[in-house]
Amino acid sequence: MVPFAVAGIVLWVIAALIMLPFHDRLADSGRGDWLHIAIAGALWGIPGLLTMIVHDRNRRRRRARAASDSFKTDEPAAP
Protein backbone atom coordinates (compact mmCIF):
# COMPACT_ATOMS: atom_id res chain seq x y z
CA MET A 1 0.00 0.00 0.00
CA VAL A 2 2.95 2.33 0.54
CA PRO A 3 3.56 2.87 -3.20
CA PHE A 4 -0.05 3.99 -3.64
CA ALA A 5 0.25 6.53 -0.82
CA VAL A 6 3.55 7.84 -2.20
CA ALA A 7 2.09 8.07 -5.70
CA GLY A 8 -0.88 10.07 -4.39
CA ILE A 9 1.39 12.52 -2.56
CA VAL A 10 3.59 12.91 -5.63
CA LEU A 11 0.56 13.60 -7.84
CA TRP A 12 -0.71 16.30 -5.46
CA VAL A 13 2.73 17.92 -5.34
CA ILE A 14 2.99 17.88 -9.15
CA ALA A 15 -0.47 19.42 -9.42
CA ALA A 16 0.51 22.16 -6.97
CA LEU A 17 3.75 22.87 -8.84
CA ILE A 18 1.88 23.09 -12.14
CA MET A 19 -0.65 25.52 -10.67
CA LEU A 20 1.89 27.65 -8.82
CA PRO A 21 2.83 29.89 -11.78
CA PHE A 22 -0.86 30.36 -12.60
CA HIS A 23 -1.98 31.19 -9.06
CA ASP A 24 -2.79 34.84 -9.84
CA ARG A 25 -4.72 33.92 -12.98
CA LEU A 26 -6.61 31.20 -11.08
CA ALA A 27 -7.40 33.62 -8.26
CA ASP A 28 -8.69 36.24 -10.71
CA SER A 29 -11.06 33.70 -12.23
CA GLY A 30 -12.32 32.59 -8.81
CA ARG A 31 -10.38 29.31 -8.75
CA GLY A 32 -7.57 30.34 -6.42
CA ASP A 33 -8.47 27.62 -3.94
CA TRP A 34 -7.21 24.87 -6.25
CA LEU A 35 -3.60 25.50 -5.29
CA HIS A 36 -4.51 25.29 -1.62
CA ILE A 37 -6.47 22.10 -2.25
CA ALA A 38 -3.45 20.50 -3.95
CA ILE A 39 -1.19 21.50 -1.05
CA ALA A 40 -3.72 20.15 1.46
CA GLY A 41 -3.94 16.89 -0.52
CA ALA A 42 -0.18 16.44 -0.31
CA LEU A 43 -0.12 17.25 3.40
CA TRP A 44 -3.05 14.94 4.19
CA GLY A 45 -1.26 12.22 2.27
CA ILE A 46 1.55 12.15 4.85
CA PRO A 47 -0.61 10.65 7.65
CA GLY A 48 -1.98 8.21 5.10
CA LEU A 49 1.55 7.20 4.15
CA LEU A 50 2.51 6.70 7.78
CA THR A 51 -0.62 4.62 8.34
CA MET A 52 0.22 2.41 5.36
CA ILE A 53 3.81 1.93 6.58
CA VAL A 54 2.55 0.73 9.97
CA HIS A 55 -0.10 -1.45 8.31
CA ASP A 56 2.43 -3.13 6.03
CA ARG A 57 4.85 -3.68 8.93
CA ASN A 58 2.11 -5.31 11.01
CA ARG A 59 1.00 -7.45 8.08
CA ARG A 60 4.57 -8.72 7.58
CA ARG A 61 4.78 -9.51 11.29
CA ARG A 62 1.46 -11.41 11.22
CA ARG A 63 2.52 -13.41 8.17
CA ALA A 64 5.87 -14.30 9.75
CA ARG A 65 4.14 -15.38 12.96
CA ALA A 66 1.63 -17.50 11.02
CA ALA A 67 4.45 -19.13 9.05
CA SER A 68 6.38 -19.98 12.21
CA ASP A 69 3.21 -21.31 13.90
CA SER A 70 2.52 -23.60 10.95
CA PHE A 71 5.77 -25.50 11.66
CA LYS A 72 4.79 -26.24 15.26
CA THR A 73 3.01 -29.54 16.00
CA ASP A 74 0.92 -30.66 18.93
CA GLU A 75 2.61 -34.05 19.09
CA PRO A 76 5.06 -34.59 21.92
CA ALA A 77 8.67 -35.07 20.95
CA ALA A 78 9.96 -38.64 20.94
CA PRO A 79 12.55 -39.44 23.66
PDB file of N, CA and C in Angstrom:
ATOM      1  N   MET A   1       0.810  -1.202   0.000  1.00  0.00           N
ATOM      2  CA  MET A   1       0.000   0.000   0.000  1.00  0.00           C
ATOM      3  C   MET A   1       0.855   1.269   0.000  1.00  0.00           C
ATOM      4  N   VAL A   2       2.080   1.154   0.463  1.00  0.00           N
ATOM      5  CA  VAL A   2       2.948   2.327   0.540  1.00  0.00           C
ATOM      6  C   VAL A   2       3.148   2.979  -0.834  1.00  0.00           C
ATOM      7  N   PRO A   3       3.381   2.209  -1.900  1.00  0.00           N
ATOM      8  CA  PRO A   3       3.557   2.874  -3.202  1.00  0.00           C
ATOM      9  C   PRO A   3       2.341   3.688  -3.644  1.00  0.00           C
ATOM     10  N   PHE A   4       1.143   3.229  -3.282  1.00  0.00           N
ATOM     11  CA  PHE A   4      -0.050   3.992  -3.644  1.00  0.00           C
ATOM     12  C   PHE A   4      -0.113   5.313  -2.887  1.00  0.00           C
ATOM     13  N   ALA A   5       0.243   5.300  -1.617  1.00  0.00           N
ATOM     14  CA  ALA A   5       0.246   6.531  -0.825  1.00  0.00           C
ATOM     15  C   ALA A   5       1.300   7.497  -1.347  1.00  0.00           C
ATOM     16  N   VAL A   6       2.480   6.981  -1.666  1.00  0.00           N
ATOM     17  CA  VAL A   6       3.549   7.841  -2.202  1.00  0.00           C
ATOM     18  C   VAL A   6       3.133   8.418  -3.547  1.00  0.00           C
ATOM     19  N   ALA A   7       2.533   7.596  -4.394  1.00  0.00           N
ATOM     20  CA  ALA A   7       2.088   8.075  -5.704  1.00  0.00           C
ATOM     21  C   ALA A   7       1.045   9.184  -5.558  1.00  0.00           C
ATOM     22  N   GLY A   8       0.132   9.032  -4.613  1.00  0.00           N
ATOM     23  CA  GLY A   8      -0.875  10.072  -4.389  1.00  0.00           C
ATOM     24  C   GLY A   8      -0.256  11.379  -3.937  1.00  0.00           C
ATOM     25  N   ILE A   9       0.709  11.310  -3.030  1.00  0.00           N
ATOM     26  CA  ILE A   9       1.387  12.524  -2.564  1.00  0.00           C
ATOM     27  C   ILE A   9       2.134  13.184  -3.717  1.00  0.00           C
ATOM     28  N   VAL A  10       2.828  12.373  -4.499  1.00  0.00           N
ATOM     29  CA  VAL A  10       3.588  12.914  -5.633  1.00  0.00           C
ATOM     30  C   VAL A  10       2.660  13.589  -6.630  1.00  0.00           C
ATOM     31  N   LEU A  11       1.509  12.985  -6.907  1.00  0.00           N
ATOM     32  CA  LEU A  11       0.561  13.601  -7.838  1.00  0.00           C
ATOM     33  C   LEU A  11       0.040  14.934  -7.326  1.00  0.00           C
ATOM     34  N   TRP A  12      -0.248  15.023  -6.027  1.00  0.00           N
ATOM     35  CA  TRP A  12      -0.708  16.295  -5.458  1.00  0.00           C
ATOM     36  C   TRP A  12       0.384  17.357  -5.537  1.00  0.00           C
ATOM     37  N   VAL A  13       1.624  16.958  -5.273  1.00  0.00           N
ATOM     38  CA  VAL A  13       2.733  17.922  -5.337  1.00  0.00           C
ATOM     39  C   VAL A  13       2.930  18.397  -6.777  1.00  0.00           C
ATOM     40  N   ILE A  14       2.863  17.490  -7.736  1.00  0.00           N
ATOM     41  CA  ILE A  14       2.991  17.877  -9.145  1.00  0.00           C
ATOM     42  C   ILE A  14       1.874  18.830  -9.538  1.00  0.00           C
ATOM     43  N   ALA A  15       0.653  18.530  -9.110  1.00  0.00           N
ATOM     44  CA  ALA A  15      -0.472  19.422  -9.419  1.00  0.00           C
ATOM     45  C   ALA A  15      -0.254  20.809  -8.825  1.00  0.00           C
ATOM     46  N   ALA A  16       0.255  20.863  -7.599  1.00  0.00           N
ATOM     47  CA  ALA A  16       0.510  22.156  -6.968  1.00  0.00           C
ATOM     48  C   ALA A  16       1.603  22.914  -7.713  1.00  0.00           C
ATOM     49  N   LEU A  17       2.656  22.207  -8.114  1.00  0.00           N
ATOM     50  CA  LEU A  17       3.750  22.870  -8.836  1.00  0.00           C
ATOM     51  C   LEU A  17       3.298  23.376 -10.203  1.00  0.00           C
ATOM     52  N   ILE A  18       2.401  22.641 -10.846  1.00  0.00           N
ATOM     53  CA  ILE A  18       1.883  23.093 -12.141  1.00  0.00           C
ATOM     54  C   ILE A  18       1.030  24.337 -11.961  1.00  0.00           C
ATOM     55  N   MET A  19       0.241  24.386 -10.891  1.00  0.00           N
ATOM     56  CA  MET A  19      -0.653  25.522 -10.671  1.00  0.00           C
ATOM     57  C   MET A  19       0.050  26.734 -10.086  1.00  0.00           C
ATOM     58  N   LEU A  20       1.191  26.556  -9.497  1.00  0.00           N
ATOM     59  CA  LEU A  20       1.887  27.649  -8.815  1.00  0.00           C
ATOM     60  C   LEU A  20       2.125  28.866  -9.720  1.00  0.00           C
ATOM     61  N   PRO A  21       2.635  28.701 -10.946  1.00  0.00           N
ATOM     62  CA  PRO A  21       2.831  29.891 -11.782  1.00  0.00           C
ATOM     63  C   PRO A  21       1.529  30.565 -12.211  1.00  0.00           C
ATOM     64  N   PHE A  22       0.433  29.821 -12.162  1.00  0.00           N
ATOM     65  CA  PHE A  22      -0.855  30.355 -12.603  1.00  0.00           C
ATOM     66  C   PHE A  22      -1.742  30.778 -11.437  1.00  0.00           C
ATOM     67  N   HIS A  23      -1.166  30.897 -10.248  1.00  0.00           N
ATOM     68  CA  HIS A  23      -1.978  31.191  -9.063  1.00  0.00           C
ATOM     69  C   HIS A  23      -2.746  32.503  -9.206  1.00  0.00           C
ATOM     70  N   ASP A  24      -2.093  33.548  -9.693  1.00  0.00           N
ATOM     71  CA  ASP A  24      -2.786  34.837  -9.841  1.00  0.00           C
ATOM     72  C   ASP A  24      -3.927  34.737 -10.849  1.00  0.00           C
ATOM     73  N   ARG A  25      -3.679  34.063 -11.953  1.00  0.00           N
ATOM     74  CA  ARG A  25      -4.717  33.919 -12.979  1.00  0.00           C
ATOM     75  C   ARG A  25      -5.881  33.079 -12.438  1.00  0.00           C
ATOM     76  N   LEU A  26      -5.557  32.026 -11.676  1.00  0.00           N
ATOM     77  CA  LEU A  26      -6.612  31.202 -11.085  1.00  0.00           C
ATOM     78  C   LEU A  26      -7.410  32.006 -10.059  1.00  0.00           C
ATOM     79  N   ALA A  27      -6.715  32.808  -9.267  1.00  0.00           N
ATOM     80  CA  ALA A  27      -7.399  33.617  -8.258  1.00  0.00           C
ATOM     81  C   ALA A  27      -8.315  34.652  -8.907  1.00  0.00           C
ATOM     82  N   ASP A  28      -7.861  35.253 -10.017  1.00  0.00           N
ATOM     83  CA  ASP A  28      -8.687  36.245 -10.713  1.00  0.00           C
ATOM     84  C   ASP A  28      -9.958  35.629 -11.288  1.00  0.00           C
ATOM     85  N   SER A  29      -9.878  34.347 -11.655  1.00  0.00           N
ATOM     86  CA  SER A  29     -11.060  33.699 -12.228  1.00  0.00           C
ATOM     87  C   SER A  29     -11.905  33.000 -11.158  1.00  0.00           C
ATOM     88  N   GLY A  30     -11.541  33.166  -9.881  1.00  0.00           N
ATOM     89  CA  GLY A  30     -12.323  32.585  -8.807  1.00  0.00           C
ATOM     90  C   GLY A  30     -11.950  31.148  -8.482  1.00  0.00           C
ATOM     91  N   ARG A  31     -10.815  30.696  -8.991  1.00  0.00           N
ATOM     92  CA  ARG A  31     -10.383  29.314  -8.749  1.00  0.00           C
ATOM     93  C   ARG A  31      -9.059  29.274  -7.988  1.00  0.00           C
ATOM     94  N   GLY A  32      -8.821  30.252  -7.167  1.00  0.00           N
ATOM     95  CA  GLY A  32      -7.570  30.337  -6.421  1.00  0.00           C
ATOM     96  C   GLY A  32      -7.425  29.268  -5.352  1.00  0.00           C
ATOM     97  N   ASP A  33      -8.531  28.653  -4.970  1.00  0.00           N
ATOM     98  CA  ASP A  33      -8.470  27.619  -3.939  1.00  0.00           C
ATOM     99  C   ASP A  33      -7.839  26.329  -4.433  1.00  0.00           C
ATOM    100  N   TRP A  34      -7.745  26.128  -5.739  1.00  0.00           N
ATOM    101  CA  TRP A  34      -7.215  24.870  -6.253  1.00  0.00           C
ATOM    102  C   TRP A  34      -5.780  24.629  -5.822  1.00  0.00           C
ATOM    103  N   LEU A  35      -4.976  25.668  -5.759  1.00  0.00           N
ATOM    104  CA  LEU A  35      -3.597  25.502  -5.290  1.00  0.00           C
ATOM    105  C   LEU A  35      -3.591  25.066  -3.833  1.00  0.00           C
ATOM    106  N   HIS A  36      -4.427  25.668  -3.033  1.00  0.00           N
ATOM    107  CA  HIS A  36      -4.508  25.292  -1.619  1.00  0.00           C
ATOM    108  C   HIS A  36      -5.038  23.865  -1.450  1.00  0.00           C
ATOM    109  N   ILE A  37      -5.947  23.470  -2.309  1.00  0.00           N
ATOM    110  CA  ILE A  37      -6.471  22.104  -2.253  1.00  0.00           C
ATOM    111  C   ILE A  37      -5.375  21.103  -2.584  1.00  0.00           C
ATOM    112  N   ALA A  38      -4.550  21.410  -3.577  1.00  0.00           N
ATOM    113  CA  ALA A  38      -3.455  20.501  -3.947  1.00  0.00           C
ATOM    114  C   ALA A  38      -2.430  20.398  -2.813  1.00  0.00           C
ATOM    115  N   ILE A  39      -2.133  21.518  -2.177  1.00  0.00           N
ATOM    116  CA  ILE A  39      -1.190  21.499  -1.048  1.00  0.00           C
ATOM    117  C   ILE A  39      -1.783  20.700   0.110  1.00  0.00           C
ATOM    118  N   ALA A  40      -3.062  20.901   0.385  1.00  0.00           N
ATOM    119  CA  ALA A  40      -3.717  20.148   1.456  1.00  0.00           C
ATOM    120  C   ALA A  40      -3.741  18.656   1.131  1.00  0.00           C
ATOM    121  N   GLY A  41      -3.950  18.296  -0.130  1.00  0.00           N
ATOM    122  CA  GLY A  41      -3.937  16.891  -0.521  1.00  0.00           C
ATOM    123  C   GLY A  41      -2.591  16.246  -0.260  1.00  0.00           C
ATOM    124  N   ALA A  42      -1.524  16.969  -0.564  1.00  0.00           N
ATOM    125  CA  ALA A  42      -0.180  16.438  -0.308  1.00  0.00           C
ATOM    126  C   ALA A  42       0.072  16.311   1.186  1.00  0.00           C
ATOM    127  N   LEU A  43      -0.346  17.302   1.955  1.00  0.00           N
ATOM    128  CA  LEU A  43      -0.118  17.254   3.405  1.00  0.00           C
ATOM    129  C   LEU A  43      -0.956  16.171   4.071  1.00  0.00           C
ATOM    130  N   TRP A  44      -2.207  16.003   3.623  1.00  0.00           N
ATOM    131  CA  TRP A  44      -3.050  14.940   4.191  1.00  0.00           C
ATOM    132  C   TRP A  44      -2.576  13.559   3.764  1.00  0.00           C
ATOM    133  N   GLY A  45      -1.802  13.498   2.705  1.00  0.00           N
ATOM    134  CA  GLY A  45      -1.255  12.222   2.275  1.00  0.00           C
ATOM    135  C   GLY A  45      -0.185  11.696   3.211  1.00  0.00           C
ATOM    136  N   ILE A  46       0.473  12.577   3.940  1.00  0.00           N
ATOM    137  CA  ILE A  46       1.547  12.147   4.853  1.00  0.00           C
ATOM    138  C   ILE A  46       1.017  11.247   5.964  1.00  0.00           C
ATOM    139  N   PRO A  47      -0.065  11.608   6.667  1.00  0.00           N
ATOM    140  CA  PRO A  47      -0.609  10.654   7.654  1.00  0.00           C
ATOM    141  C   PRO A  47      -1.068   9.353   7.013  1.00  0.00           C
ATOM    142  N   GLY A  48      -1.592   9.428   5.802  1.00  0.00           N
ATOM    143  CA  GLY A  48      -1.983   8.212   5.100  1.00  0.00           C
ATOM    144  C   GLY A  48      -0.779   7.336   4.801  1.00  0.00           C
ATOM    145  N   LEU A  49       0.325   7.947   4.400  1.00  0.00           N
ATOM    146  CA  LEU A  49       1.555   7.203   4.148  1.00  0.00           C
ATOM    147  C   LEU A  49       2.061   6.534   5.421  1.00  0.00           C
ATOM    148  N   LEU A  50       2.065   7.271   6.511  1.00  0.00           N
ATOM    149  CA  LEU A  50       2.515   6.697   7.782  1.00  0.00           C
ATOM    150  C   LEU A  50       1.614   5.544   8.218  1.00  0.00           C
ATOM    151  N   THR A  51       0.318   5.693   8.005  1.00  0.00           N
ATOM    152  CA  THR A  51      -0.621   4.619   8.337  1.00  0.00           C
ATOM    153  C   THR A  51      -0.339   3.373   7.511  1.00  0.00           C
ATOM    154  N   MET A  52      -0.060   3.548   6.223  1.00  0.00           N
ATOM    155  CA  MET A  52       0.224   2.407   5.357  1.00  0.00           C
ATOM    156  C   MET A  52       1.550   1.736   5.720  1.00  0.00           C
ATOM    157  N   ILE A  53       2.534   2.511   6.153  1.00  0.00           N
ATOM    158  CA  ILE A  53       3.811   1.930   6.584  1.00  0.00           C
ATOM    159  C   ILE A  53       3.593   1.035   7.797  1.00  0.00           C
ATOM    160  N   VAL A  54       2.831   1.523   8.767  1.00  0.00           N
ATOM    161  CA  VAL A  54       2.546   0.730   9.967  1.00  0.00           C
ATOM    162  C   VAL A  54       1.718  -0.502   9.597  1.00  0.00           C
ATOM    163  N   HIS A  55       0.741  -0.326   8.733  1.00  0.00           N
ATOM    164  CA  HIS A  55      -0.102  -1.446   8.315  1.00  0.00           C
ATOM    165  C   HIS A  55       0.727  -2.530   7.638  1.00  0.00           C
ATOM    166  N   ASP A  56       1.602  -2.148   6.721  1.00  0.00           N
ATOM    167  CA  ASP A  56       2.434  -3.131   6.033  1.00  0.00           C
ATOM    168  C   ASP A  56       3.398  -3.823   6.995  1.00  0.00           C
ATOM    169  N   ARG A  57       3.944  -3.085   7.942  1.00  0.00           N
ATOM    170  CA  ARG A  57       4.849  -3.682   8.934  1.00  0.00           C
ATOM    171  C   ARG A  57       4.104  -4.713   9.781  1.00  0.00           C
ATOM    172  N   ASN A  58       2.909  -4.380  10.215  1.00  0.00           N
ATOM    173  CA  ASN A  58       2.113  -5.314  11.014  1.00  0.00           C
ATOM    174  C   ASN A  58       1.696  -6.538  10.199  1.00  0.00           C
ATOM    175  N   ARG A  59       1.376  -6.328   8.928  1.00  0.00           N
ATOM    176  CA  ARG A  59       1.000  -7.450   8.080  1.00  0.00           C
ATOM    177  C   ARG A  59       2.180  -8.402   7.896  1.00  0.00           C
ATOM    178  N   ARG A  60       3.391  -7.867   7.692  1.00  0.00           N
ATOM    179  CA  ARG A  60       4.572  -8.718   7.578  1.00  0.00           C
ATOM    180  C   ARG A  60       4.801  -9.504   8.860  1.00  0.00           C
ATOM    181  N   ARG A  61       4.600  -8.847   9.995  1.00  0.00           N
ATOM    182  CA  ARG A  61       4.783  -9.507  11.285  1.00  0.00           C
ATOM    183  C   ARG A  61       3.761 -10.628  11.469  1.00  0.00           C
ATOM    184  N   ARG A  62       2.491 -10.380  11.101  1.00  0.00           N
ATOM    185  CA  ARG A  62       1.463 -11.415  11.223  1.00  0.00           C
ATOM    186  C   ARG A  62       1.759 -12.596  10.314  1.00  0.00           C
ATOM    187  N   ARG A  63       2.206 -12.330   9.098  1.00  0.00           N
ATOM    188  CA  ARG A  63       2.522 -13.414   8.174  1.00  0.00           C
ATOM    189  C   ARG A  63       3.708 -14.235   8.672  1.00  0.00           C
ATOM    190  N   ALA A  64       4.713 -13.582   9.223  1.00  0.00           N
ATOM    191  CA  ALA A  64       5.871 -14.305   9.747  1.00  0.00           C
ATOM    192  C   ALA A  64       5.463 -15.167  10.934  1.00  0.00           C
ATOM    193  N   ARG A  65       4.612 -14.624  11.801  1.00  0.00           N
ATOM    194  CA  ARG A  65       4.140 -15.385  12.958  1.00  0.00           C
ATOM    195  C   ARG A  65       3.310 -16.583  12.510  1.00  0.00           C
ATOM    196  N   ALA A  66       2.458 -16.396  11.520  1.00  0.00           N
ATOM    197  CA  ALA A  66       1.632 -17.500  11.018  1.00  0.00           C
ATOM    198  C   ALA A  66       2.508 -18.573  10.371  1.00  0.00           C
ATOM    199  N   ALA A  67       3.552 -18.154   9.681  1.00  0.00           N
ATOM    200  CA  ALA A  67       4.446 -19.134   9.053  1.00  0.00           C
ATOM    201  C   ALA A  67       5.208 -19.919  10.107  1.00  0.00           C
ATOM    202  N   SER A  68       5.648 -19.251  11.165  1.00  0.00           N
ATOM    203  CA  SER A  68       6.380 -19.978  12.206  1.00  0.00           C
ATOM    204  C   SER A  68       5.439 -20.875  13.011  1.00  0.00           C
ATOM    205  N   ASP A  69       4.189 -20.472  13.183  1.00  0.00           N
ATOM    206  CA  ASP A  69       3.214 -21.305  13.897  1.00  0.00           C
ATOM    207  C   ASP A  69       2.831 -22.537  13.086  1.00  0.00           C
ATOM    208  N   SER A  70       2.914 -22.454  11.769  1.00  0.00           N
ATOM    209  CA  SER A  70       2.524 -23.602  10.946  1.00  0.00           C
ATOM    210  C   SER A  70       3.543 -24.736  11.050  1.00  0.00           C
ATOM    211  N   PHE A  71       4.751 -24.452  11.508  1.00  0.00           N
ATOM    212  CA  PHE A  71       5.771 -25.497  11.662  1.00  0.00           C
ATOM    213  C   PHE A  71       5.664 -26.199  13.007  1.00  0.00           C
ATOM    214  N   LYS A  72       4.942 -25.628  13.930  1.00  0.00           N
ATOM    215  CA  LYS A  72       4.786 -26.241  15.256  1.00  0.00           C
ATOM    216  C   LYS A  72       3.754 -27.361  15.174  1.00  0.00           C
ATOM    217  N   THR A  73       3.978 -28.425  15.943  1.00  0.00           N
ATOM    218  CA  THR A  73       3.015 -29.536  15.996  1.00  0.00           C
ATOM    219  C   THR A  73       2.575 -29.729  17.430  1.00  0.00           C
ATOM    220  N   ASP A  74       1.432 -30.385  17.596  1.00  0.00           N
ATOM    221  CA  ASP A  74       0.923 -30.665  18.928  1.00  0.00           C
ATOM    222  C   ASP A  74       1.415 -31.991  19.453  1.00  0.00           C
ATOM    223  N   GLU A  75       2.125 -32.739  18.654  1.00  0.00           N
ATOM    224  CA  GLU A  75       2.611 -34.055  19.087  1.00  0.00           C
ATOM    225  C   GLU A  75       3.826 -33.900  19.984  1.00  0.00           C
ATOM    226  N   PRO A  76       3.883 -34.685  21.062  1.00  0.00           N
ATOM    227  CA  PRO A  76       5.059 -34.595  21.924  1.00  0.00           C
ATOM    228  C   PRO A  76       6.292 -35.156  21.218  1.00  0.00           C
ATOM    229  N   ALA A  77       7.429 -34.628  21.555  1.00  0.00           N
ATOM    230  CA  ALA A  77       8.673 -35.075  20.945  1.00  0.00           C
ATOM    231  C   ALA A  77       9.021 -36.469  21.435  1.00  0.00           C
ATOM    232  N   ALA A  78       9.562 -37.269  20.560  1.00  0.00           N
ATOM    233  CA  ALA A  78       9.963 -38.643  20.941  1.00  0.00           C
ATOM    234  C   ALA A  78      11.248 -38.591  21.761  1.00  0.00           C
ATOM    235  N   PRO A  79      11.322 -39.468  22.818  1.00  0.00           N
ATOM    236  CA  PRO A  79      12.547 -39.439  23.659  1.00  0.00           C
ATOM    237  C   PRO A  79      13.761 -40.017  23.004  1.00  0.00           C
TER     238      PRO A  79
END
